[in-house]
Amino acid sequence: MFRGLTQLAGTTADKKSISPSLRSDIYTAIDQFKAWINGGLGQAGDGVSYTSVLNTIQKHFPNAKIGLESLGQTEVEVAVVVGGVTNMILEMSKWEALGGGMAMRTWVDNLGNVYASIPPSTKKETIGRGIVRGLNQNTDYSLMTREFTAKIQIISCLKSLFPKIYGAGSEQTRQAEAMLSSKLI
């Protein structure tokens, strides 16, 4: 359906050290995501307004892109951006485990807050599906730190987002958590 973030393992495996701008680019991408979603819900799904955040992601993952067949599809756009930012954080966690865990907490909190601020609508549901899709389908978990404590912190941060989107104890929450768990086994 779209070309993107699942092919990224090869682009970062050859790196010998962390990119000097990765940390600042993560926080820039988080701010760009908030501005994109909160900047008027008409923006998400318009096929072009995600460009600034996608450019930030592409500095570290050049293969991240939205296929032409998916332009203007809100769920796909959100999924690619969410997967890209999450991959940036996981890449940072390889080099700075604690910093990656803190960045993931910031990212998940921002995702939850942005989602909560959207008025109930079909657009909100689409954005929620895009967030979950980005975490479960567009994120390369092989980039994650091997350090146990930080890894547990990152995983629990990610799992805490699903109840904010689908509601605690819902079938969709359980399915999203199970999908994430299957990726981490």
C-alpha atoms as a PDB file:
ATOM      1  CA  MET A   1       0.000   0.000   0.000  1.00  0.00           C
ATOM      2  CA  PHE A   2       2.814   2.403   0.768  1.00  0.00           C
ATOM      3  CA  ARG A   3       6.531   2.360   0.762  1.00  0.00           C
ATOM      4  CA  GLY A   4       8.124   3.300   3.953  1.00  0.00           C
ATOM      5  CA  LEU A   5       9.311   2.518   7.319  1.00  0.00           C
ATOM      6  CA  THR A   6       9.481  -1.256   7.338  1.00  0.00           C
ATOM      7  CA  GLN A   7      12.578  -1.236   5.137  1.00  0.00           C
ATOM      8  CA  LEU A   8      14.663   0.907   7.441  1.00  0.00           C
ATOM      9  CA  ALA A   9      16.776  -1.652   9.287  1.00  0.00           C
ATOM     10  CA  GLY A  10      19.477  -1.576   6.620  1.00  0.00           C
ATOM     11  CA  THR A  11      19.734   2.196   6.615  1.00  0.00           C
ATOM     12  CA  THR A  12      20.765   2.432  10.245  1.00  0.00           C
ATOM     13  CA  ALA A  13      22.536  -0.860  10.918  1.00  0.00           C
ATOM     14  CA  ASP A  14      25.735   0.413   9.347  1.00  0.00           C
ATOM     15  CA  LYS A  15      26.003   3.471  11.591  1.00  0.00           C
ATOM     16  CA  LYS A  16      28.923   3.507  13.986  1.00  0.00           C
ATOM     17  CA  SER A  17      27.662   6.335  16.168  1.00  0.00           C
ATOM     18  CA  ILE A  18      24.587   8.405  16.858  1.00  0.00           C
ATOM     19  CA  SER A  19      23.784  11.254  14.516  1.00  0.00           C
ATOM     20  CA  PRO A  20      24.617  14.514  16.301  1.00  0.00           C
ATOM     21  CA  SER A  21      21.245  16.011  15.397  1.00  0.00           C
ATOM     22  CA  LEU A  22      19.054  12.987  16.222  1.00  0.00           C
ATOM     23  CA  ARG A  23      17.990  14.135  19.695  1.00  0.00           C
ATOM     24  CA  SER A  24      17.028  17.637  18.600  1.00  0.00           C
ATOM     25  CA  ASP A  25      15.359  16.292  15.450  1.00  0.00           C
ATOM     26  CA  ILE A  26      13.187  13.976  17.560  1.00  0.00           C
ATOM     27  CA  TYR A  27      11.836  16.863  19.588  1.00  0.00           C
ATOM     28  CA  THR A  28      11.449  18.969  16.444  1.00  0.00           C
ATOM     29  CA  ALA A  29       9.449  16.149  14.817  1.00  0.00           C
ATOM     30  CA  ILE A  30       7.249  15.837  17.911  1.00  0.00           C
ATOM     31  CA  ASP A  31       6.492  19.573  17.765  1.00  0.00           C
ATOM     32  CA  GLN A  32       5.882  19.384  14.012  1.00  0.00           C
ATOM     33  CA  PHE A  33       3.470  16.478  14.509  1.00  0.00           C
ATOM     34  CA  LYS A  34       1.497  18.429  17.136  1.00  0.00           C
ATOM     35  CA  ALA A  35       1.330  21.480  14.871  1.00  0.00           C
ATOM     36  CA  TRP A  36       0.260  19.316  11.926  1.00  0.00           C
ATOM     37  CA  ILE A  37      -2.572  17.579  13.778  1.00  0.00           C
ATOM     38  CA  ASN A  38      -3.630  20.584  15.891  1.00  0.00           C
ATOM     39  CA  GLY A  39      -3.118  23.094  13.084  1.00  0.00           C
ATOM     40  CA  GLY A  40      -6.582  22.439  11.825  1.00  0.00           C
ATOM     41  CA  LEU A  41      -7.822  18.938  11.376  1.00  0.00           C
ATOM     42  CA  GLY A  42      -8.333  19.711   7.729  1.00  0.00           C
ATOM     43  CA  GLN A  43      -4.548  19.434   7.348  1.00  0.00           C
ATOM     44  CA  ALA A  44      -4.153  15.770   8.218  1.00  0.00           C
ATOM     45  CA  GLY A  45      -5.098  13.895   5.096  1.00  0.00           C
ATOM     46  CA  ASP A  46      -4.558  16.752   2.654  1.00  0.00           C
ATOM     47  CA  GLY A  47      -1.582  15.039   1.058  1.00  0.00           C
ATOM     48  CA  VAL A  48       0.997  17.790   1.643  1.00  0.00           C
ATOM     49  CA  SER A  49       0.932  19.345   5.111  1.00  0.00           C
ATOM     50  CA  TYR A  50       2.938  16.504   6.694  1.00  0.00           C
ATOM     51  CA  THR A  51       5.961  17.503   4.568  1.00  0.00           C
ATOM     52  CA  SER A  52       7.910  19.293   7.310  1.00  0.00           C
ATOM     53  CA  VAL A  53       7.720  16.395   9.773  1.00  0.00           C
ATOM     54  CA  LEU A  54       8.441  13.858   7.016  1.00  0.00           C
ATOM     55  CA  ASN A  55      11.521  15.872   5.976  1.00  0.00           C
ATOM     56  CA  THR A  56      12.790  15.729   9.568  1.00  0.00           C
ATOM     57  CA  ILE A  57      12.262  11.955   9.648  1.00  0.00           C
ATOM     58  CA  GLN A  58      13.959  11.510   6.267  1.00  0.00           C
ATOM     59  CA  LYS A  59      17.160  13.080   7.593  1.00  0.00           C
ATOM     60  CA  HIS A  60      17.634   9.854   9.555  1.00  0.00           C
ATOM     61  CA  PHE A  61      15.516   7.413   7.537  1.00  0.00           C
ATOM     62  CA  PRO A  62      15.743   8.494   3.882  1.00  0.00           C
ATOM     63  CA  ASN A  63      13.482   5.654   2.711  1.00  0.00           C
ATOM     64  CA  ALA A  64      10.522   6.924   4.752  1.00  0.00           C
ATOM     65  CA  LYS A  65       7.901   8.170   2.334  1.00  0.00           C
ATOM     66  CA  ILE A  66       4.268   8.000   1.481  1.00  0.00           C
ATOM     67  CA  GLY A  67       3.507   6.341  -1.823  1.00  0.00           C
ATOM     68  CA  LEU A  68       1.606   8.366  -4.373  1.00  0.00           C
ATOM     69  CA  GLU A  69      -1.324   5.976  -4.118  1.00  0.00           C
ATOM     70  CA  SER A  70      -1.693   6.905  -0.437  1.00  0.00           C
ATOM     71  CA  LEU A  71      -1.538  10.697  -0.658  1.00  0.00           C
ATOM     72  CA  GLY A  72      -4.481  12.298   1.036  1.00  0.00           C
ATOM     73  CA  GLN A  73      -5.310   9.244   3.124  1.00  0.00           C
ATOM     74  CA  THR A  74      -5.242  10.487   6.707  1.00  0.00           C
ATOM     75  CA  GLU A  75      -4.708   7.088   8.319  1.00  0.00           C
ATOM     76  CA  VAL A  76      -1.698   6.287   6.124  1.00  0.00           C
ATOM     77  CA  GLU A  77      -0.164   9.736   6.547  1.00  0.00           C
ATOM     78  CA  VAL A  78      -0.486   9.562  10.331  1.00  0.00           C
ATOM     79  CA  ALA A  79       0.850   5.984  10.374  1.00  0.00           C
ATOM     80  CA  VAL A  80       3.972   6.873   8.380  1.00  0.00           C
ATOM     81  CA  VAL A  81       4.718   9.922  10.521  1.00  0.00           C
ATOM     82  CA  VAL A  82       4.075   8.096  13.817  1.00  0.00           C
ATOM     83  CA  GLY A  83       6.228   5.164  12.691  1.00  0.00           C
ATOM     84  CA  GLY A  84       9.002   7.502  11.567  1.00  0.00           C
ATOM     85  CA  VAL A  85       9.182   9.476  14.799  1.00  0.00           C
ATOM     86  CA  THR A  86       8.982   6.263  16.830  1.00  0.00           C
ATOM     87  CA  ASN A  87      11.837   4.788  14.784  1.00  0.00           C
ATOM     88  CA  MET A  88      13.915   7.902  15.430  1.00  0.00           C
ATOM     89  CA  ILE A  89      13.384   7.434  19.164  1.00  0.00           C
ATOM     90  CA  LEU A  90      14.193   3.722  19.001  1.00  0.00           C
ATOM     91  CA  GLU A  91      17.381   4.538  17.079  1.00  0.00           C
ATOM     92  CA  MET A  92      18.355   7.013  19.802  1.00  0.00           C
ATOM     93  CA  SER A  93      17.681   4.366  22.453  1.00  0.00           C
ATOM     94  CA  LYS A  94      20.389   2.165  20.911  1.00  0.00           C
ATOM     95  CA  TRP A  95      22.965   4.817  21.721  1.00  0.00           C
ATOM     96  CA  GLU A  96      21.432   6.497  24.759  1.00  0.00           C
ATOM     97  CA  ALA A  97      19.066   4.049  26.448  1.00  0.00           C
ATOM     98  CA  LEU A  98      17.821   6.423  29.152  1.00  0.00           C
ATOM     99  CA  GLY A  99      17.478   9.323  26.716  1.00  0.00           C
ATOM    100  CA  GLY A 100      15.487   7.084  24.372  1.00  0.00           C
ATOM    101  CA  GLY A 101      13.163   6.069  27.197  1.00  0.00           C
ATOM    102  CA  MET A 102      12.582   9.701  28.163  1.00  0.00           C
ATOM    103  CA  ALA A 103      11.984  10.703  24.539  1.00  0.00           C
ATOM    104  CA  MET A 104       9.487   7.847  24.155  1.00  0.00           C
ATOM    105  CA  ARG A 105       7.584   9.032  27.243  1.00  0.00           C
ATOM    106  CA  THR A 106       7.441  12.543  25.772  1.00  0.00           C
ATOM    107  CA  TRP A 107       6.291  11.182  22.394  1.00  0.00           C
ATOM    108  CA  VAL A 108       3.589   8.914  23.850  1.00  0.00           C
ATOM    109  CA  ASP A 109       2.324  11.675  26.154  1.00  0.00           C
ATOM    110  CA  ASN A 110       2.109  14.031  23.184  1.00  0.00           C
ATOM    111  CA  LEU A 111       0.326  11.440  21.049  1.00  0.00           C
ATOM    112  CA  GLY A 112      -2.193  10.858  23.844  1.00  0.00           C
ATOM    113  CA  ASN A 113      -2.734  14.580  24.434  1.00  0.00           C
ATOM    114  CA  VAL A 114      -3.092  15.377  20.730  1.00  0.00           C
ATOM    115  CA  TYR A 115      -5.568  12.547  20.287  1.00  0.00           C
ATOM    116  CA  ALA A 116      -7.565  13.605  23.353  1.00  0.00           C
ATOM    117  CA  SER A 117      -7.774  17.198  22.083  1.00  0.00           C
ATOM    118  CA  ILE A 118      -9.478  16.180  18.821  1.00  0.00           C
ATOM    119  CA  PRO A 119     -13.261  16.536  18.997  1.00  0.00           C
ATOM    120  CA  PRO A 120     -15.177  13.260  18.546  1.00  0.00           C
ATOM    121  CA  SER A 121     -15.573  12.581  14.826  1.00  0.00           C
ATOM    122  CA  THR A 122     -14.713  10.097  12.144  1.00  0.00           C
ATOM    123  CA  LYS A 123     -11.493  12.070  11.589  1.00  0.00           C
ATOM    124  CA  LYS A 124     -10.536  11.377  15.224  1.00  0.00           C
ATOM    125  CA  GLU A 125     -11.171   7.658  14.713  1.00  0.00           C
ATOM    126  CA  THR A 126      -9.066   7.708  11.545  1.00  0.00           C
ATOM    127  CA  ILE A 127      -6.209   9.474  13.328  1.00  0.00           C
ATOM    128  CA  GLY A 128      -6.422   6.948  16.183  1.00  0.00           C
ATOM    129  CA  ARG A 129      -6.206   4.049  13.710  1.00  0.00           C
ATOM    130  CA  GLY A 130      -3.262   5.794  12.058  1.00  0.00           C
ATOM    131  CA  ILE A 131      -1.439   6.128  15.376  1.00  0.00           C
ATOM    132  CA  VAL A 132      -1.937   2.453  16.213  1.00  0.00           C
ATOM    133  CA  ARG A 133      -1.028   1.409  12.673  1.00  0.00           C
ATOM    134  CA  GLY A 134       2.142   3.495  12.861  1.00  0.00           C
ATOM    135  CA  LEU A 135       3.195   1.777  16.082  1.00  0.00           C
ATOM    136  CA  ASN A 136       2.222  -1.742  15.061  1.00  0.00           C
ATOM    137  CA  GLN A 137       3.039  -1.784  11.347  1.00  0.00           C
ATOM    138  CA  ASN A 138       5.486   1.008  10.538  1.00  0.00           C
ATOM    139  CA  THR A 139       7.851   0.789  13.485  1.00  0.00           C
ATOM    140  CA  ASP A 140      11.072  -1.219  13.294  1.00  0.00           C
ATOM    141  CA  TYR A 141      11.511  -2.600  16.804  1.00  0.00           C
ATOM    142  CA  SER A 142      14.908  -4.075  15.921  1.00  0.00           C
ATOM    143  CA  LEU A 143      16.202  -0.512  16.373  1.00  0.00           C
ATOM    144  CA  MET A 144      15.362  -0.586  20.100  1.00  0.00           C
ATOM    145  CA  THR A 145      17.999  -0.647  22.823  1.00  0.00           C
ATOM    146  CA  ARG A 146      19.054  -3.995  24.235  1.00  0.00           C
ATOM    147  CA  GLU A 147      19.299  -2.504  27.737  1.00  0.00           C
ATOM    148  CA  PHE A 148      16.610  -4.256  29.762  1.00  0.00           C
ATOM    149  CA  THR A 149      15.379  -1.394  31.955  1.00  0.00           C
ATOM    150  CA  ALA A 150      15.100   1.097  29.128  1.00  0.00           C
ATOM    151  CA  LYS A 151      13.484  -1.504  26.876  1.00  0.00           C
ATOM    152  CA  ILE A 152      10.796  -2.222  29.489  1.00  0.00           C
ATOM    153  CA  GLN A 153      10.213   1.522  29.941  1.00  0.00           C
ATOM    154  CA  ILE A 154       9.791   2.026  26.186  1.00  0.00           C
ATOM    155  CA  ILE A 155       7.430  -0.933  25.802  1.00  0.00           C
ATOM    156  CA  SER A 156       5.255   0.095  28.742  1.00  0.00           C
ATOM    157  CA  CYS A 157       5.093   3.681  27.396  1.00  0.00           C
ATOM    158  CA  LEU A 158       3.891   2.400  24.047  1.00  0.00           C
ATOM    159  CA  LYS A 159       1.321   0.053  25.577  1.00  0.00           C
ATOM    160  CA  SER A 160      -0.055   2.873  27.746  1.00  0.00           C
ATOM    161  CA  LEU A 161      -1.175   4.699  24.607  1.00  0.00           C
ATOM    162  CA  PHE A 162      -3.698   2.108  23.398  1.00  0.00           C
ATOM    163  CA  PRO A 163      -6.199   2.606  26.266  1.00  0.00           C
ATOM    164  CA  LYS A 164      -6.088   6.368  25.593  1.00  0.00           C
ATOM    165  CA  ILE A 165      -7.166   5.727  22.019  1.00  0.00           C
ATOM    166  CA  TYR A 166      -9.576   2.801  22.351  1.00  0.00           C
ATOM    167  CA  GLY A 167     -10.542   2.867  26.029  1.00  0.00           C
ATOM    168  CA  ALA A 168      -9.294   0.713  28.897  1.00  0.00           C
ATOM    169  CA  GLY A 169     -10.171  -2.952  28.593  1.00  0.00           C
ATOM    170  CA  SER A 170     -11.709  -2.679  25.126  1.00  0.00           C
ATOM    171  CA  GLU A 171     -11.278  -5.419  22.554  1.00  0.00           C
ATOM    172  CA  GLN A 172      -9.381  -3.015  20.271  1.00  0.00           C
ATOM    173  CA  THR A 173      -6.965  -2.152  23.092  1.00  0.00           C
ATOM    174  CA  ARG A 174      -6.310  -5.823  23.759  1.00  0.00           C
ATOM    175  CA  GLN A 175      -5.747  -6.484  20.054  1.00  0.00           C
ATOM    176  CA  ALA A 176      -3.348  -3.533  19.691  1.00  0.00           C
ATOM    177  CA  GLU A 177      -1.392  -4.614  22.770  1.00  0.00           C
ATOM    178  CA  ALA A 178      -1.240  -8.201  21.512  1.00  0.00           C
ATOM    179  CA  MET A 179      -0.001  -7.032  18.098  1.00  0.00           C
ATOM    180  CA  LEU A 180       2.703  -4.933  19.742  1.00  0.00           C
ATOM    181  CA  SER A 181       3.698  -7.801  22.037  1.00  0.00           C
ATOM    182  CA  SER A 182       3.998 -10.157  19.070  1.00  0.00           C
ATOM    183  CA  LYS A 183       6.451  -7.745  17.432  1.00  0.00           C
ATOM    184  CA  LEU A 184       8.613  -7.705  20.544  1.00  0.00           C
ATOM    185  CA  ILE A 185       8.893 -11.449  21.098  1.00  0.00           C
END
